[in-house]
C-alpha atoms as a PDB file:
ATOM      1  CA  MET A   1       0.741   0.275 -12.971  1.00  0.00           C
ATOM      2  CA  ALA A   2       0.213   3.280 -10.732  1.00  0.00           C
ATOM      3  CA  SER A   3      -2.441   5.855 -11.621  1.00  0.00           C
ATOM      4  CA  ASP A   4      -2.862   9.542 -10.905  1.00  0.00           C
ATOM      5  CA  LYS A   5      -4.287   8.696  -7.437  1.00  0.00           C
ATOM      6  CA  VAL A   6      -1.870   5.841  -6.643  1.00  0.00           C
ATOM      7  CA  LYS A   7       1.788   6.845  -6.764  1.00  0.00           C
ATOM      8  CA  GLU A   8       4.685   4.457  -7.218  1.00  0.00           C
ATOM      9  CA  VAL A   9       7.234   4.785  -4.386  1.00  0.00           C
ATOM     10  CA  SER A  10      10.816   3.582  -4.056  1.00  0.00           C
ATOM     11  CA  ASP A  11      13.152   2.624  -1.228  1.00  0.00           C
ATOM     12  CA  ALA A  12      14.594   6.156  -1.515  1.00  0.00           C
ATOM     13  CA  ASP A  13      11.362   8.093  -0.886  1.00  0.00           C
ATOM     14  CA  PHE A  14       9.537   5.548   1.292  1.00  0.00           C
ATOM     15  CA  GLU A  15      10.326   7.129   4.687  1.00  0.00           C
ATOM     16  CA  SER A  16       9.138  10.584   3.629  1.00  0.00           C
ATOM     17  CA  ILE A  17       5.864   9.082   2.357  1.00  0.00           C
ATOM     18  CA  ILE A  18       4.964   7.133   5.502  1.00  0.00           C
ATOM     19  CA  ASN A  19       6.111   9.865   7.908  1.00  0.00           C
ATOM     20  CA  SER A  20       3.636  12.432   6.591  1.00  0.00           C
ATOM     21  CA  ASP A  21       0.643  13.587   8.650  1.00  0.00           C
ATOM     22  CA  THR A  22      -1.682  11.732   6.282  1.00  0.00           C
ATOM     23  CA  PRO A  23      -2.182   8.004   6.940  1.00  0.00           C
ATOM     24  CA  CYS A  24      -0.629   5.919   4.169  1.00  0.00           C
ATOM     25  CA  LEU A  25      -1.500   2.501   2.746  1.00  0.00           C
ATOM     26  CA  VAL A  26       1.404   0.844   0.945  1.00  0.00           C
ATOM     27  CA  ASP A  27       0.635  -1.910  -1.581  1.00  0.00           C
ATOM     28  CA  PHE A  28       3.714  -4.127  -1.970  1.00  0.00           C
ATOM     29  CA  TRP A  29       3.370  -5.826  -5.372  1.00  0.00           C
ATOM     30  CA  ALA A  30       5.166  -7.130  -8.471  1.00  0.00           C
ATOM     31  CA  PRO A  31       4.167  -7.085 -12.168  1.00  0.00           C
ATOM     32  CA  TRP A  32       4.254 -10.910 -12.425  1.00  0.00           C
ATOM     33  CA  CYS A  33       1.965 -11.446  -9.407  1.00  0.00           C
ATOM     34  CA  GLY A  34      -1.566 -12.554 -10.380  1.00  0.00           C
ATOM     35  CA  PRO A  35      -3.228 -11.714  -7.029  1.00  0.00           C
ATOM     36  CA  CYS A  36      -1.499  -8.298  -7.149  1.00  0.00           C
ATOM     37  CA  LYS A  37      -3.145  -7.620 -10.511  1.00  0.00           C
ATOM     38  CA  ALA A  38      -6.488  -8.825  -9.126  1.00  0.00           C
ATOM     39  CA  ILE A  39      -6.406  -6.432  -6.158  1.00  0.00           C
ATOM     40  CA  GLY A  40      -5.077  -3.512  -8.231  1.00  0.00           C
ATOM     41  CA  PRO A  41      -8.473  -2.135  -9.358  1.00  0.00           C
ATOM     42  CA  VAL A  42      -9.760  -2.292  -5.756  1.00  0.00           C
ATOM     43  CA  VAL A  43      -6.725  -0.325  -4.540  1.00  0.00           C
ATOM     44  CA  GLU A  44      -7.274   2.218  -7.351  1.00  0.00           C
ATOM     45  CA  ALA A  45     -10.953   2.635  -6.410  1.00  0.00           C
ATOM     46  CA  LEU A  46     -10.095   3.130  -2.735  1.00  0.00           C
ATOM     47  CA  ALA A  47      -7.461   5.720  -3.661  1.00  0.00           C
ATOM     48  CA  ALA A  48     -10.218   7.755  -5.326  1.00  0.00           C
ATOM     49  CA  GLU A  49     -12.687   7.237  -2.456  1.00  0.00           C
ATOM     50  CA  TYR A  50     -10.162   8.151   0.256  1.00  0.00           C
ATOM     51  CA  ASP A  51      -8.463  10.939  -1.717  1.00  0.00           C
ATOM     52  CA  GLY A  52      -7.359  13.652   0.704  1.00  0.00           C
ATOM     53  CA  LYS A  53      -7.859  11.400   3.758  1.00  0.00           C
ATOM     54  CA  VAL A  54      -5.393   8.555   3.121  1.00  0.00           C
ATOM     55  CA  SER A  55      -2.525   8.393   0.652  1.00  0.00           C
ATOM     56  CA  ILE A  56      -2.322   5.087  -1.176  1.00  0.00           C
ATOM     57  CA  VAL A  57       0.954   4.111  -2.824  1.00  0.00           C
ATOM     58  CA  LYS A  58       2.433   1.050  -4.525  1.00  0.00           C
ATOM     59  CA  MET A  59       5.927  -0.369  -4.172  1.00  0.00           C
ATOM     60  CA  ASN A  60       7.335  -2.825  -6.703  1.00  0.00           C
ATOM     61  CA  VAL A  61       9.195  -5.386  -4.542  1.00  0.00           C
ATOM     62  CA  ASP A  62      11.447  -6.443  -7.432  1.00  0.00           C
ATOM     63  CA  ASP A  63      12.729  -2.887  -7.979  1.00  0.00           C
ATOM     64  CA  ASN A  64      12.901  -1.991  -4.265  1.00  0.00           C
ATOM     65  CA  PRO A  65      14.113  -4.934  -2.143  1.00  0.00           C
ATOM     66  CA  ALA A  66      15.242  -2.986   0.971  1.00  0.00           C
ATOM     67  CA  THR A  67      11.867  -1.792   2.274  1.00  0.00           C
ATOM     68  CA  PRO A  68       9.971  -5.106   1.905  1.00  0.00           C
ATOM     69  CA  GLY A  69      12.915  -6.801   3.625  1.00  0.00           C
ATOM     70  CA  LYS A  70      12.772  -4.310   6.491  1.00  0.00           C
ATOM     71  CA  PHE A  71       9.103  -5.143   7.089  1.00  0.00           C
ATOM     72  CA  GLY A  72       9.557  -8.904   6.695  1.00  0.00           C
ATOM     73  CA  ILE A  73       7.330  -9.202   3.647  1.00  0.00           C
ATOM     74  CA  ARG A  74       7.381 -12.803   2.422  1.00  0.00           C
ATOM     75  CA  ALA A  75       4.258 -12.858   0.235  1.00  0.00           C
ATOM     76  CA  ILE A  76       2.598 -10.375  -2.091  1.00  0.00           C
ATOM     77  CA  PRO A  77       0.336  -8.589  -2.331  1.00  0.00           C
ATOM     78  CA  THR A  78       0.893  -7.273   1.179  1.00  0.00           C
ATOM     79  CA  LEU A  79      -0.719  -3.995   2.161  1.00  0.00           C
ATOM     80  CA  ILE A  80       0.568  -2.157   5.223  1.00  0.00           C
ATOM     81  CA  LEU A  81      -1.189   0.812   6.784  1.00  0.00           C
ATOM     82  CA  PHE A  82       1.033   3.473   8.360  1.00  0.00           C
ATOM     83  CA  LYS A  83       0.063   6.442  10.508  1.00  0.00           C
ATOM     84  CA  SER A  84       2.729   8.994  11.524  1.00  0.00           C
ATOM     85  CA  GLY A  85       5.436   6.553  10.403  1.00  0.00           C
ATOM     86  CA  GLU A  86       4.145   3.704  12.573  1.00  0.00           C
ATOM     87  CA  LYS A  87       2.712   0.460  11.220  1.00  0.00           C
ATOM     88  CA  VAL A  88      -0.970   0.307  12.210  1.00  0.00           C
ATOM     89  CA  ASP A  89      -2.040  -2.916  10.482  1.00  0.00           C
ATOM     90  CA  GLN A  90      -1.344  -5.176   7.537  1.00  0.00           C
ATOM     91  CA  VAL A  91      -3.100  -7.679   5.269  1.00  0.00           C
ATOM     92  CA  THR A  92      -1.639 -10.211   2.874  1.00  0.00           C
ATOM     93  CA  GLY A  93      -3.261 -11.674  -0.214  1.00  0.00           C
ATOM     94  CA  ALA A  94      -5.970 -10.529  -2.587  1.00  0.00           C
ATOM     95  CA  VAL A  95      -8.441  -9.455   0.088  1.00  0.00           C
ATOM     96  CA  GLY A  96     -11.823  -7.937  -0.641  1.00  0.00           C
ATOM     97  CA  LYS A  97     -12.749  -4.262  -0.733  1.00  0.00           C
ATOM     98  CA  ALA A  98     -14.716  -4.486   2.534  1.00  0.00           C
ATOM     99  CA  GLN A  99     -11.649  -5.769   4.382  1.00  0.00           C
ATOM    100  CA  LEU A 100      -9.521  -2.943   2.964  1.00  0.00           C
ATOM    101  CA  ILE A 101     -12.129  -0.328   3.936  1.00  0.00           C
ATOM    102  CA  GLU A 102     -12.085  -1.731   7.486  1.00  0.00           C
ATOM    103  CA  LEU A 103      -8.268  -1.457   7.439  1.00  0.00           C
ATOM    104  CA  LEU A 104      -8.287   2.146   6.171  1.00  0.00           C
ATOM    105  CA  ASP A 105     -10.926   3.254   8.653  1.00  0.00           C
ATOM    106  CA  LYS A 106      -8.604   2.271  11.523  1.00  0.00           C
ATOM    107  CA  ALA A 107      -6.338   5.173  10.576  1.00  0.00           C
ATOM    108  CA  LEU A 108      -9.064   7.809  10.407  1.00  0.00           C
END
């Protein structure tokens, strides 16, 4: 479900992704999750708009249980914004584009 702008990440490469100099938004999702599918196109659009400023990645919680567990994720979609490896903010549920833009702008 990832595109050329939104990469799929795993438990194995997660740390290297969030510890980069570029702020990173991680979309924790699953293929069976309706709200995850609903927010997907918004995440894709933001990946294009913020290309070069913020990296946006997706993590399938079914395939990668360790990382969501580490961050206490109980509901999906959950999007967590990281800057220099630190959690800056997070939202849960199929939120609107305006709310996600507000979230991303905190890291810039």
